[in-house]
Amino acid sequence: MPLLVVVVLVLGLATASGPVWSASPGRATVVAQAEGVQPLGSVLRRIAERVPGRALDAQQTERNGRPIYRVKWLGEDGKVRDVIADARTGQILEMR
């Protein structure tokens, strides 16, 4: 019975945390999604429409009190870009 309690506590803590992005070569998964923001997948599709390629890494953070996604993007041209997108609207703000 104590093992069950530990498992329930760990699962409860895992679901209470903020958004988590897990990426490995060729594979990316959104583990949790914060409220009031666009799903990361829709933002990634929007980036892919402008620059075909794939995400290498992504994180949700804040800029000037607003939630943003910072995405490291590998284009099919072989260039790595840093993309900043508004997490609420999904609009791409910067691409360097």
Protein backbone atom coordinates (compact mmCIF):
# COMPACT_ATOMS: atom_id res chain seq x y z
CA MET A 1 0.00 0.00 0.00
CA PRO A 2 2.78 2.60 0.69
CA LEU A 3 4.07 2.12 -2.88
CA LEU A 4 0.66 3.10 -4.24
CA VAL A 5 0.74 6.30 -2.17
CA VAL A 6 4.17 7.20 -3.54
CA VAL A 7 3.03 6.58 -7.13
CA VAL A 8 -0.07 8.75 -6.65
CA LEU A 9 2.01 11.57 -5.14
CA VAL A 10 4.57 11.47 -7.95
CA LEU A 11 1.85 11.52 -10.61
CA GLY A 12 0.11 14.38 -8.84
CA LEU A 13 3.31 16.45 -8.75
CA ALA A 14 4.04 15.71 -12.39
CA THR A 15 0.64 16.97 -13.52
CA ALA A 16 0.83 20.06 -11.31
CA SER A 17 3.98 21.39 -12.94
CA GLY A 18 4.04 23.81 -15.89
CA PRO A 19 4.47 22.95 -19.54
CA VAL A 20 7.28 20.59 -20.39
CA TRP A 21 8.87 20.00 -23.76
CA SER A 22 10.78 16.84 -24.41
CA ALA A 23 12.79 16.46 -27.56
CA SER A 24 15.06 13.77 -28.86
CA PRO A 25 16.54 13.39 -32.35
CA GLY A 26 13.72 12.95 -34.83
CA ARG A 27 11.05 12.97 -32.16
CA ALA A 28 9.35 15.67 -30.10
CA THR A 29 6.51 15.47 -27.59
CA VAL A 30 4.55 18.00 -25.61
CA VAL A 31 4.13 16.51 -22.15
CA ALA A 32 1.88 19.19 -20.61
CA GLN A 33 0.22 22.38 -21.87
CA ALA A 34 -0.38 25.59 -19.93
CA GLU A 35 -3.79 27.25 -19.96
CA GLY A 36 -4.48 30.25 -22.16
CA VAL A 37 -1.82 29.48 -24.76
CA GLN A 38 -1.88 27.96 -28.22
CA PRO A 39 -0.79 24.33 -28.42
CA LEU A 40 2.87 24.12 -29.33
CA GLY A 41 2.00 21.83 -32.24
CA SER A 42 -0.04 24.54 -33.96
CA VAL A 43 2.82 27.03 -33.54
CA LEU A 44 5.26 24.51 -35.02
CA ARG A 45 2.96 24.01 -38.02
CA ARG A 46 2.85 27.78 -38.52
CA ILE A 47 6.66 27.94 -38.48
CA ALA A 48 6.87 25.03 -40.94
CA GLU A 49 4.60 26.91 -43.36
CA ARG A 50 7.18 29.72 -43.51
CA VAL A 51 10.34 27.61 -43.32
CA PRO A 52 10.05 23.87 -43.99
CA GLY A 53 12.01 21.89 -41.42
CA ARG A 54 11.66 20.63 -37.86
CA ALA A 55 12.01 21.74 -34.25
CA LEU A 56 15.22 20.88 -32.44
CA ASP A 57 14.14 22.34 -29.11
CA ALA A 58 11.36 24.50 -27.69
CA GLN A 59 10.41 26.09 -24.42
CA GLN A 60 7.69 28.30 -23.09
CA THR A 61 8.84 31.40 -21.22
CA GLU A 62 7.81 35.03 -20.74
CA ARG A 63 8.83 38.28 -22.37
CA ASN A 64 7.50 41.56 -20.95
CA GLY A 65 4.99 39.56 -18.90
CA ARG A 66 3.54 37.73 -21.93
CA PRO A 67 3.97 34.01 -22.60
CA ILE A 68 6.12 33.17 -25.60
CA TYR A 69 7.53 30.08 -27.25
CA ARG A 70 11.25 30.03 -28.08
CA VAL A 71 11.91 27.43 -30.75
CA LYS A 72 15.23 26.28 -32.20
CA TRP A 73 14.31 25.35 -35.77
CA LEU A 74 16.34 23.35 -38.31
CA GLY A 75 15.30 24.33 -41.82
CA GLU A 76 15.51 21.95 -44.76
CA ASP A 77 18.21 24.30 -46.05
CA GLY A 78 20.41 23.19 -43.12
CA LYS A 79 20.22 26.54 -41.28
CA VAL A 80 19.32 26.65 -37.58
CA ARG A 81 17.02 29.52 -36.67
CA ASP A 82 15.76 30.93 -33.40
CA VAL A 83 12.04 31.58 -33.59
CA ILE A 84 10.02 33.57 -31.05
CA ALA A 85 6.22 33.15 -31.17
CA ASP A 86 3.46 34.66 -29.05
CA ALA A 87 2.14 31.70 -27.03
CA ARG A 88 -1.38 33.18 -26.75
CA THR A 89 -1.95 33.98 -30.42
CA GLY A 90 0.58 31.69 -32.12
CA GLN A 91 1.89 34.65 -34.14
CA ILE A 92 5.56 34.49 -35.09
CA LEU A 93 7.24 37.55 -33.60
CA GLU A 94 10.88 37.00 -34.62
CA MET A 95 12.86 34.63 -36.78
CA ARG A 96 16.66 34.90 -36.71
